[in-house]
Amino acid sequence: MTTDAAAPRGGRFPVALTIATTVALAILIGLGVWQVERLAWKQSLLARVAALQSAAPRPVGPVLADMAKGGDADFTRVTLDCPGLAKAPFLELYAVRDGEPGVRLVSACKVDAAGYRAVLVDRGFVAQSISARPPVDAADTTPFSLTGVFRKPDKPSFVTPPNDVAGNHWYWRDHAAMAKALRTSAPAPQVLMAETPTNPDWKALVPAPVPADIPNRHLEYALTWFGLAAALAGVYAALLWRKWKG
């Protein structure tokens, strides 16, 4: 006959609670590790941006050749001859800068290098409160030398609206569609963010090639996830202890 003193304290082992806690811990720790990996990526990115601030611009031809071979040209500063850019036709890409909505003007610059026939140039930002636009003359060939920074275009998310090609309202950089709308083809896969003002006499168009302040809070996020995992483990241990004590 089994006595009460010989019975395990607290009854059966909480299998369901243990499984749920293990799954939750795996998720929290996984999120923490992911943020640590993102921290390393962001630190590398910030180092490249810092180096960019003092880097001399390179001729665009060799950079396009490297790009065609799969090289990483992101944040590479180049110079490019782009006749008539100040009056070139442009597309309007929705953007927000320093909390203010507006559009970025995107034009095509003809090139003939590494199999590319055009480079899409982001000429800068115009605030939504300004309805005027630079003059357009597709036949203009006034010499113009541009300095800019190549950037990889962002991919659309599930909340990004579709581009309105007919209405010239763009919400993400669809290179092929943008090149077609600008009556060119074979564009380079990265966009050139202008540092040089393309319309110096029209101050409303502000070149904005690289964010002035790129946040880096991944260490904070990682510590938060790891802290939550530790707290969950502590709560689970406390529950087991109370159950064992009866």
C-alpha atoms as a PDB file:
ATOM      1  CA  MET A   1       0.000   0.000   0.000  1.00  0.00           C
ATOM      2  CA  THR A   2       1.489   3.339  -1.072  1.00  0.00           C
ATOM      3  CA  THR A   3       1.516   6.126   1.515  1.00  0.00           C
ATOM      4  CA  ASP A   4       1.074   9.843   0.785  1.00  0.00           C
ATOM      5  CA  ALA A   5       4.660  10.473   1.905  1.00  0.00           C
ATOM      6  CA  ALA A   6       5.963   8.215  -0.869  1.00  0.00           C
ATOM      7  CA  ALA A   7       4.017   9.997  -3.647  1.00  0.00           C
ATOM      8  CA  PRO A   8       5.873  12.520  -5.842  1.00  0.00           C
ATOM      9  CA  ARG A   9       5.321  16.056  -4.661  1.00  0.00           C
ATOM     10  CA  GLY A  10       3.066  18.269  -6.803  1.00  0.00           C
ATOM     11  CA  GLY A  11       1.683  15.464  -8.946  1.00  0.00           C
ATOM     12  CA  ARG A  12       2.678  14.765 -12.526  1.00  0.00           C
ATOM     13  CA  PHE A  13       5.403  16.609 -14.429  1.00  0.00           C
ATOM     14  CA  PRO A  14       3.871  19.528 -16.468  1.00  0.00           C
ATOM     15  CA  VAL A  15       4.622  18.231 -19.963  1.00  0.00           C
ATOM     16  CA  ALA A  16       2.409  20.706 -21.871  1.00  0.00           C
ATOM     17  CA  LEU A  17       3.826  23.690 -19.960  1.00  0.00           C
ATOM     18  CA  THR A  18       7.372  22.477 -20.580  1.00  0.00           C
ATOM     19  CA  ILE A  19       6.790  22.095 -24.323  1.00  0.00           C
ATOM     20  CA  ALA A  20       5.190  25.550 -24.588  1.00  0.00           C
ATOM     21  CA  THR A  21       8.023  27.121 -22.583  1.00  0.00           C
ATOM     22  CA  THR A  22      10.686  25.389 -24.674  1.00  0.00           C
ATOM     23  CA  VAL A  23       9.101  26.612 -27.921  1.00  0.00           C
ATOM     24  CA  ALA A  24       8.782  30.162 -26.585  1.00  0.00           C
ATOM     25  CA  LEU A  25      12.395  30.136 -25.367  1.00  0.00           C
ATOM     26  CA  ALA A  26      13.607  28.907 -28.753  1.00  0.00           C
ATOM     27  CA  ILE A  27      11.739  31.748 -30.475  1.00  0.00           C
ATOM     28  CA  LEU A  28      13.011  34.428 -28.085  1.00  0.00           C
ATOM     29  CA  ILE A  29      16.613  33.226 -28.233  1.00  0.00           C
ATOM     30  CA  GLY A  30      16.377  32.938 -32.027  1.00  0.00           C
ATOM     31  CA  LEU A  31      15.188  36.544 -32.257  1.00  0.00           C
ATOM     32  CA  GLY A  32      18.066  37.626 -30.021  1.00  0.00           C
ATOM     33  CA  VAL A  33      20.629  35.807 -32.171  1.00  0.00           C
ATOM     34  CA  TRP A  34      19.074  37.341 -35.303  1.00  0.00           C
ATOM     35  CA  GLN A  35      19.472  40.827 -33.821  1.00  0.00           C
ATOM     36  CA  VAL A  36      23.123  40.084 -33.018  1.00  0.00           C
ATOM     37  CA  GLU A  37      23.638  39.134 -36.670  1.00  0.00           C
ATOM     38  CA  ARG A  38      21.835  42.305 -37.734  1.00  0.00           C
ATOM     39  CA  LEU A  39      24.120  44.274 -35.407  1.00  0.00           C
ATOM     40  CA  ALA A  40      27.196  42.976 -37.236  1.00  0.00           C
ATOM     41  CA  TRP A  41      25.597  43.827 -40.601  1.00  0.00           C
ATOM     42  CA  LYS A  42      24.647  47.347 -39.441  1.00  0.00           C
ATOM     43  CA  GLN A  43      28.131  48.028 -38.071  1.00  0.00           C
ATOM     44  CA  SER A  44      29.606  47.012 -41.438  1.00  0.00           C
ATOM     45  CA  LEU A  45      27.106  49.261 -43.208  1.00  0.00           C
ATOM     46  CA  LEU A  46      27.918  52.229 -40.975  1.00  0.00           C
ATOM     47  CA  ALA A  47      31.632  51.683 -41.584  1.00  0.00           C
ATOM     48  CA  ARG A  48      31.020  51.816 -45.350  1.00  0.00           C
ATOM     49  CA  VAL A  49      28.943  54.974 -44.996  1.00  0.00           C
ATOM     50  CA  ALA A  50      31.671  56.583 -42.868  1.00  0.00           C
ATOM     51  CA  ALA A  51      34.285  55.694 -45.487  1.00  0.00           C
ATOM     52  CA  LEU A  52      32.041  57.150 -48.184  1.00  0.00           C
ATOM     53  CA  GLN A  53      32.112  60.569 -46.580  1.00  0.00           C
ATOM     54  CA  SER A  54      35.765  61.032 -47.554  1.00  0.00           C
ATOM     55  CA  ALA A  55      36.034  58.689 -50.559  1.00  0.00           C
ATOM     56  CA  ALA A  56      37.003  60.209 -53.898  1.00  0.00           C
ATOM     57  CA  PRO A  57      34.513  59.568 -56.726  1.00  0.00           C
ATOM     58  CA  ARG A  58      35.428  56.903 -59.257  1.00  0.00           C
ATOM     59  CA  PRO A  59      34.746  56.954 -63.023  1.00  0.00           C
ATOM     60  CA  VAL A  60      31.431  55.256 -63.656  1.00  0.00           C
ATOM     61  CA  GLY A  61      32.690  52.892 -66.394  1.00  0.00           C
ATOM     62  CA  PRO A  62      34.805  50.546 -64.227  1.00  0.00           C
ATOM     63  CA  VAL A  63      32.120  50.540 -61.523  1.00  0.00           C
ATOM     64  CA  LEU A  64      29.471  49.472 -64.034  1.00  0.00           C
ATOM     65  CA  ALA A  65      31.830  46.769 -65.296  1.00  0.00           C
ATOM     66  CA  ASP A  66      32.236  45.440 -61.743  1.00  0.00           C
ATOM     67  CA  MET A  67      28.475  45.634 -61.266  1.00  0.00           C
ATOM     68  CA  ALA A  68      27.879  43.592 -64.422  1.00  0.00           C
ATOM     69  CA  LYS A  69      30.135  40.872 -62.974  1.00  0.00           C
ATOM     70  CA  GLY A  70      28.111  40.745 -59.773  1.00  0.00           C
ATOM     71  CA  GLY A  71      30.284  43.107 -57.748  1.00  0.00           C
ATOM     72  CA  ASP A  72      28.849  45.063 -54.836  1.00  0.00           C
ATOM     73  CA  ALA A  73      28.703  48.746 -55.817  1.00  0.00           C
ATOM     74  CA  ASP A  74      26.391  49.774 -52.981  1.00  0.00           C
ATOM     75  CA  PHE A  75      27.494  53.141 -51.509  1.00  0.00           C
ATOM     76  CA  THR A  76      30.135  53.608 -54.238  1.00  0.00           C
ATOM     77  CA  ARG A  77      30.645  57.247 -55.239  1.00  0.00           C
ATOM     78  CA  VAL A  78      31.099  57.904 -58.966  1.00  0.00           C
ATOM     79  CA  THR A  79      31.203  60.700 -61.520  1.00  0.00           C
ATOM     80  CA  LEU A  80      29.010  60.539 -64.614  1.00  0.00           C
ATOM     81  CA  ASP A  81      28.553  62.767 -67.658  1.00  0.00           C
ATOM     82  CA  CYS A  82      24.828  63.194 -68.189  1.00  0.00           C
ATOM     83  CA  PRO A  83      24.016  65.865 -70.827  1.00  0.00           C
ATOM     84  CA  GLY A  84      20.628  67.521 -70.433  1.00  0.00           C
ATOM     85  CA  LEU A  85      19.918  66.054 -66.977  1.00  0.00           C
ATOM     86  CA  ALA A  86      18.640  69.370 -65.607  1.00  0.00           C
ATOM     87  CA  LYS A  87      15.757  69.289 -68.118  1.00  0.00           C
ATOM     88  CA  ALA A  88      15.382  65.534 -68.535  1.00  0.00           C
ATOM     89  CA  PRO A  89      11.943  63.877 -68.223  1.00  0.00           C
ATOM     90  CA  PHE A  90      11.411  62.470 -64.748  1.00  0.00           C
ATOM     91  CA  LEU A  91       9.274  60.074 -62.740  1.00  0.00           C
ATOM     92  CA  GLU A  92       7.905  60.937 -59.302  1.00  0.00           C
ATOM     93  CA  LEU A  93       8.699  58.398 -56.583  1.00  0.00           C
ATOM     94  CA  TYR A  94       6.850  58.807 -53.278  1.00  0.00           C
ATOM     95  CA  ALA A  95       9.231  59.357 -50.355  1.00  0.00           C
ATOM     96  CA  VAL A  96       9.458  60.721 -46.831  1.00  0.00           C
ATOM     97  CA  ARG A  97      12.449  62.793 -45.737  1.00  0.00           C
ATOM     98  CA  ASP A  98      12.924  64.034 -42.171  1.00  0.00           C
ATOM     99  CA  GLY A  99       9.273  63.235 -41.478  1.00  0.00           C
ATOM    100  CA  GLU A 100       8.008  65.250 -44.453  1.00  0.00           C
ATOM    101  CA  PRO A 101       6.252  63.499 -47.364  1.00  0.00           C
ATOM    102  CA  GLY A 102       7.125  64.337 -50.932  1.00  0.00           C
ATOM    103  CA  VAL A 103       8.562  62.816 -54.094  1.00  0.00           C
ATOM    104  CA  ARG A 104      11.968  61.979 -55.495  1.00  0.00           C
ATOM    105  CA  LEU A 105      12.554  62.833 -59.153  1.00  0.00           C
ATOM    106  CA  VAL A 106      14.057  59.976 -61.163  1.00  0.00           C
ATOM    107  CA  SER A 107      15.523  60.517 -64.645  1.00  0.00           C
ATOM    108  CA  ALA A 108      17.507  58.347 -67.043  1.00  0.00           C
ATOM    109  CA  CYS A 109      21.076  59.070 -68.044  1.00  0.00           C
ATOM    110  CA  LYS A 110      22.246  57.346 -71.220  1.00  0.00           C
ATOM    111  CA  VAL A 111      25.442  55.291 -70.955  1.00  0.00           C
ATOM    112  CA  ASP A 112      27.171  52.642 -73.021  1.00  0.00           C
ATOM    113  CA  ALA A 113      29.194  50.486 -70.665  1.00  0.00           C
ATOM    114  CA  ALA A 114      29.227  46.842 -69.572  1.00  0.00           C
ATOM    115  CA  GLY A 115      26.086  46.129 -71.567  1.00  0.00           C
ATOM    116  CA  TYR A 116      24.076  48.856 -69.841  1.00  0.00           C
ATOM    117  CA  ARG A 117      22.377  51.588 -71.851  1.00  0.00           C
ATOM    118  CA  ALA A 118      21.166  53.779 -69.005  1.00  0.00           C
ATOM    119  CA  VAL A 119      21.627  54.665 -65.369  1.00  0.00           C
ATOM    120  CA  LEU A 120      18.560  55.751 -63.436  1.00  0.00           C
ATOM    121  CA  VAL A 121      19.436  58.910 -61.518  1.00  0.00           C
ATOM    122  CA  ASP A 122      17.615  59.974 -58.360  1.00  0.00           C
ATOM    123  CA  ARG A 123      17.935  63.744 -58.704  1.00  0.00           C
ATOM    124  CA  GLY A 124      16.672  64.550 -55.213  1.00  0.00           C
ATOM    125  CA  PHE A 125      13.655  65.220 -53.008  1.00  0.00           C
ATOM    126  CA  VAL A 126      10.805  67.710 -53.471  1.00  0.00           C
ATOM    127  CA  ALA A 127       8.459  68.336 -50.532  1.00  0.00           C
ATOM    128  CA  GLN A 128       4.757  67.626 -50.996  1.00  0.00           C
ATOM    129  CA  SER A 129       3.941  71.259 -50.191  1.00  0.00           C
ATOM    130  CA  ILE A 130       5.676  72.348 -53.431  1.00  0.00           C
ATOM    131  CA  SER A 131       3.613  71.851 -56.570  1.00  0.00           C
ATOM    132  CA  ALA A 132       6.143  73.323 -59.048  1.00  0.00           C
ATOM    133  CA  ARG A 133       8.535  71.112 -60.969  1.00  0.00           C
ATOM    134  CA  PRO A 134      11.739  71.685 -62.989  1.00  0.00           C
ATOM    135  CA  PRO A 135      11.325  72.409 -66.725  1.00  0.00           C
ATOM    136  CA  VAL A 136      11.399  69.446 -69.101  1.00  0.00           C
ATOM    137  CA  ASP A 137      13.029  69.438 -72.540  1.00  0.00           C
ATOM    138  CA  ALA A 138      13.879  65.952 -73.775  1.00  0.00           C
ATOM    139  CA  ALA A 139      15.939  67.426 -76.638  1.00  0.00           C
ATOM    140  CA  ASP A 140      18.245  69.388 -74.323  1.00  0.00           C
ATOM    141  CA  THR A 141      21.885  68.254 -74.430  1.00  0.00           C
ATOM    142  CA  THR A 142      23.535  70.848 -72.207  1.00  0.00           C
ATOM    143  CA  PRO A 143      26.758  69.300 -70.801  1.00  0.00           C
ATOM    144  CA  PHE A 144      26.384  68.200 -67.209  1.00  0.00           C
ATOM    145  CA  SER A 145      28.751  66.288 -64.932  1.00  0.00           C
ATOM    146  CA  LEU A 146      27.196  64.513 -61.989  1.00  0.00           C
ATOM    147  CA  THR A 147      28.596  63.080 -58.763  1.00  0.00           C
ATOM    148  CA  GLY A 148      26.470  60.530 -56.987  1.00  0.00           C
ATOM    149  CA  VAL A 149      26.311  57.363 -54.924  1.00  0.00           C
ATOM    150  CA  PHE A 150      25.085  54.014 -56.211  1.00  0.00           C
ATOM    151  CA  ARG A 151      22.447  52.365 -54.034  1.00  0.00           C
ATOM    152  CA  LYS A 152      20.596  49.075 -54.230  1.00  0.00           C
ATOM    153  CA  PRO A 153      16.872  49.718 -54.707  1.00  0.00           C
ATOM    154  CA  ASP A 154      14.605  48.683 -51.853  1.00  0.00           C
ATOM    155  CA  LYS A 155      12.152  45.892 -52.543  1.00  0.00           C
ATOM    156  CA  PRO A 156       8.438  46.538 -51.978  1.00  0.00           C
ATOM    157  CA  SER A 157       6.797  45.171 -48.850  1.00  0.00           C
ATOM    158  CA  PHE A 158       3.280  43.762 -48.533  1.00  0.00           C
ATOM    159  CA  VAL A 159       1.991  47.245 -47.614  1.00  0.00           C
ATOM    160  CA  THR A 160       3.619  49.029 -50.591  1.00  0.00           C
ATOM    161  CA  PRO A 161       0.974  50.280 -53.057  1.00  0.00           C
ATOM    162  CA  PRO A 162       1.326  49.251 -56.694  1.00  0.00           C
ATOM    163  CA  ASN A 163       2.988  51.736 -59.024  1.00  0.00           C
ATOM    164  CA  ASP A 164       0.635  53.919 -61.072  1.00  0.00           C
ATOM    165  CA  VAL A 165       2.626  54.083 -64.295  1.00  0.00           C
ATOM    166  CA  ALA A 166      -0.019  56.003 -66.244  1.00  0.00           C
ATOM    167  CA  GLY A 167      -0.399  58.624 -63.528  1.00  0.00           C
ATOM    168  CA  ASN A 168       3.353  58.888 -62.861  1.00  0.00           C
ATOM    169  CA  HIS A 169       2.892  57.911 -59.195  1.00  0.00           C
ATOM    170  CA  TRP A 170       5.625  55.482 -58.161  1.00  0.00           C
ATOM    171  CA  TYR A 171       5.941  53.814 -54.767  1.00  0.00           C
ATOM    172  CA  TRP A 172       8.911  51.492 -55.309  1.00  0.00           C
ATOM    173  CA  ARG A 173      11.846  51.327 -57.705  1.00  0.00           C
ATOM    174  CA  ASP A 174      10.782  48.915 -60.442  1.00  0.00           C
ATOM    175  CA  HIS A 175      13.857  49.397 -62.625  1.00  0.00           C
ATOM    176  CA  ALA A 176      12.542  47.743 -65.761  1.00  0.00           C
ATOM    177  CA  ALA A 177       9.199  49.584 -65.642  1.00  0.00           C
ATOM    178  CA  MET A 178      10.882  52.901 -64.812  1.00  0.00           C
ATOM    179  CA  ALA A 179      13.325  52.538 -67.699  1.00  0.00           C
ATOM    180  CA  LYS A 180      10.460  51.755 -70.063  1.00  0.00           C
ATOM    181  CA  ALA A 181       8.482  54.773 -68.838  1.00  0.00           C
ATOM    182  CA  LEU A 182      11.562  56.944 -69.453  1.00  0.00           C
ATOM    183  CA  ARG A 183      11.910  55.490 -72.966  1.00  0.00           C
ATOM    184  CA  THR A 184      15.184  53.699 -72.381  1.00  0.00           C
ATOM    185  CA  SER A 185      16.291  50.110 -71.837  1.00  0.00           C
ATOM    186  CA  ALA A 186      18.951  47.907 -70.219  1.00  0.00           C
ATOM    187  CA  PRO A 187      19.333  50.057 -67.072  1.00  0.00           C
ATOM    188  CA  ALA A 188      22.044  49.375 -64.514  1.00  0.00           C
ATOM    189  CA  PRO A 189      20.546  47.413 -61.581  1.00  0.00           C
ATOM    190  CA  GLN A 190      21.378  50.098 -59.031  1.00  0.00           C
ATOM    191  CA  VAL A 191      20.144  53.679 -58.859  1.00  0.00           C
ATOM    192  CA  LEU A 192      22.552  56.625 -58.723  1.00  0.00           C
ATOM    193  CA  MET A 193      21.606  58.968 -55.873  1.00  0.00           C
ATOM    194  CA  ALA A 194      22.719  62.453 -56.926  1.00  0.00           C
ATOM    195  CA  GLU A 195      24.987  64.473 -54.669  1.00  0.00           C
ATOM    196  CA  THR A 196      25.363  67.205 -57.279  1.00  0.00           C
ATOM    197  CA  PRO A 197      22.339  69.537 -57.513  1.00  0.00           C
ATOM    198  CA  THR A 198      20.825  68.938 -60.946  1.00  0.00           C
ATOM    199  CA  ASN A 199      18.883  72.219 -60.793  1.00  0.00           C
ATOM    200  CA  PRO A 200      21.052  74.621 -58.762  1.00  0.00           C
ATOM    201  CA  ASP A 201      18.695  77.534 -59.427  1.00  0.00           C
ATOM    202  CA  TRP A 202      15.703  75.624 -58.061  1.00  0.00           C
ATOM    203  CA  LYS A 203      16.375  75.101 -54.356  1.00  0.00           C
ATOM    204  CA  ALA A 204      13.220  73.033 -53.822  1.00  0.00           C
ATOM    205  CA  LEU A 205      14.976  70.005 -55.356  1.00  0.00           C
ATOM    206  CA  VAL A 206      17.285  68.774 -52.602  1.00  0.00           C
ATOM    207  CA  PRO A 207      19.848  66.033 -53.361  1.00  0.00           C
ATOM    208  CA  ALA A 208      19.623  63.434 -50.587  1.00  0.00           C
ATOM    209  CA  PRO A 209      21.930  60.522 -51.485  1.00  0.00           C
ATOM    210  CA  VAL A 210      22.652  58.920 -48.102  1.00  0.00           C
ATOM    211  CA  PRO A 211      20.661  59.114 -44.842  1.00  0.00           C
ATOM    212  CA  ALA A 212      22.378  61.494 -42.464  1.00  0.00           C
ATOM    213  CA  ASP A 213      21.536  59.341 -39.435  1.00  0.00           C
ATOM    214  CA  ILE A 214      21.184  55.575 -39.811  1.00  0.00           C
ATOM    215  CA  PRO A 215      19.851  54.150 -36.524  1.00  0.00           C
ATOM    216  CA  ASN A 216      21.620  51.194 -34.949  1.00  0.00           C
ATOM    217  CA  ARG A 217      19.592  49.777 -32.052  1.00  0.00           C
ATOM    218  CA  HIS A 218      20.149  46.093 -32.756  1.00  0.00           C
ATOM    219  CA  LEU A 219      22.167  45.540 -29.543  1.00  0.00           C
ATOM    220  CA  GLU A 220      19.273  47.021 -27.561  1.00  0.00           C
ATOM    221  CA  TYR A 221      16.817  44.747 -29.373  1.00  0.00           C
ATOM    222  CA  ALA A 222      19.035  41.682 -28.824  1.00  0.00           C
ATOM    223  CA  LEU A 223      19.305  42.380 -25.093  1.00  0.00           C
ATOM    224  CA  THR A 224      15.527  42.800 -24.932  1.00  0.00           C
ATOM    225  CA  TRP A 225      14.879  39.385 -26.532  1.00  0.00           C
ATOM    226  CA  PHE A 226      17.510  37.658 -24.394  1.00  0.00           C
ATOM    227  CA  GLY A 227      16.105  39.382 -21.303  1.00  0.00           C
ATOM    228  CA  LEU A 228      12.609  38.135 -22.100  1.00  0.00           C
ATOM    229  CA  ALA A 229      13.997  34.621 -22.564  1.00  0.00           C
ATOM    230  CA  ALA A 230      15.731  34.804 -19.170  1.00  0.00           C
ATOM    231  CA  ALA A 231      12.554  36.108 -17.529  1.00  0.00           C
ATOM    232  CA  LEU A 232      10.497  33.298 -19.065  1.00  0.00           C
ATOM    233  CA  ALA A 233      13.011  30.716 -17.885  1.00  0.00           C
ATOM    234  CA  GLY A 234      12.862  32.211 -14.384  1.00  0.00           C
ATOM    235  CA  VAL A 235       9.055  32.105 -14.288  1.00  0.00           C
ATOM    236  CA  TYR A 236       9.066  28.489 -15.495  1.00  0.00           C
ATOM    237  CA  ALA A 237      11.605  27.493 -12.862  1.00  0.00           C
ATOM    238  CA  ALA A 238       9.563  29.231 -10.159  1.00  0.00           C
ATOM    239  CA  LEU A 239       6.414  27.384 -11.228  1.00  0.00           C
ATOM    240  CA  LEU A 240       8.234  24.042 -11.140  1.00  0.00           C
ATOM    241  CA  TRP A 241       9.583  24.847  -7.694  1.00  0.00           C
ATOM    242  CA  ARG A 242       6.138  25.731  -6.333  1.00  0.00           C
ATOM    243  CA  LYS A 243       4.659  22.609  -7.911  1.00  0.00           C
ATOM    244  CA  TRP A 244       7.384  20.422  -6.421  1.00  0.00           C
ATOM    245  CA  LYS A 245       6.899  22.015  -2.983  1.00  0.00           C
ATOM    246  CA  GLY A 246       3.225  21.110  -3.278  1.00  0.00           C
END
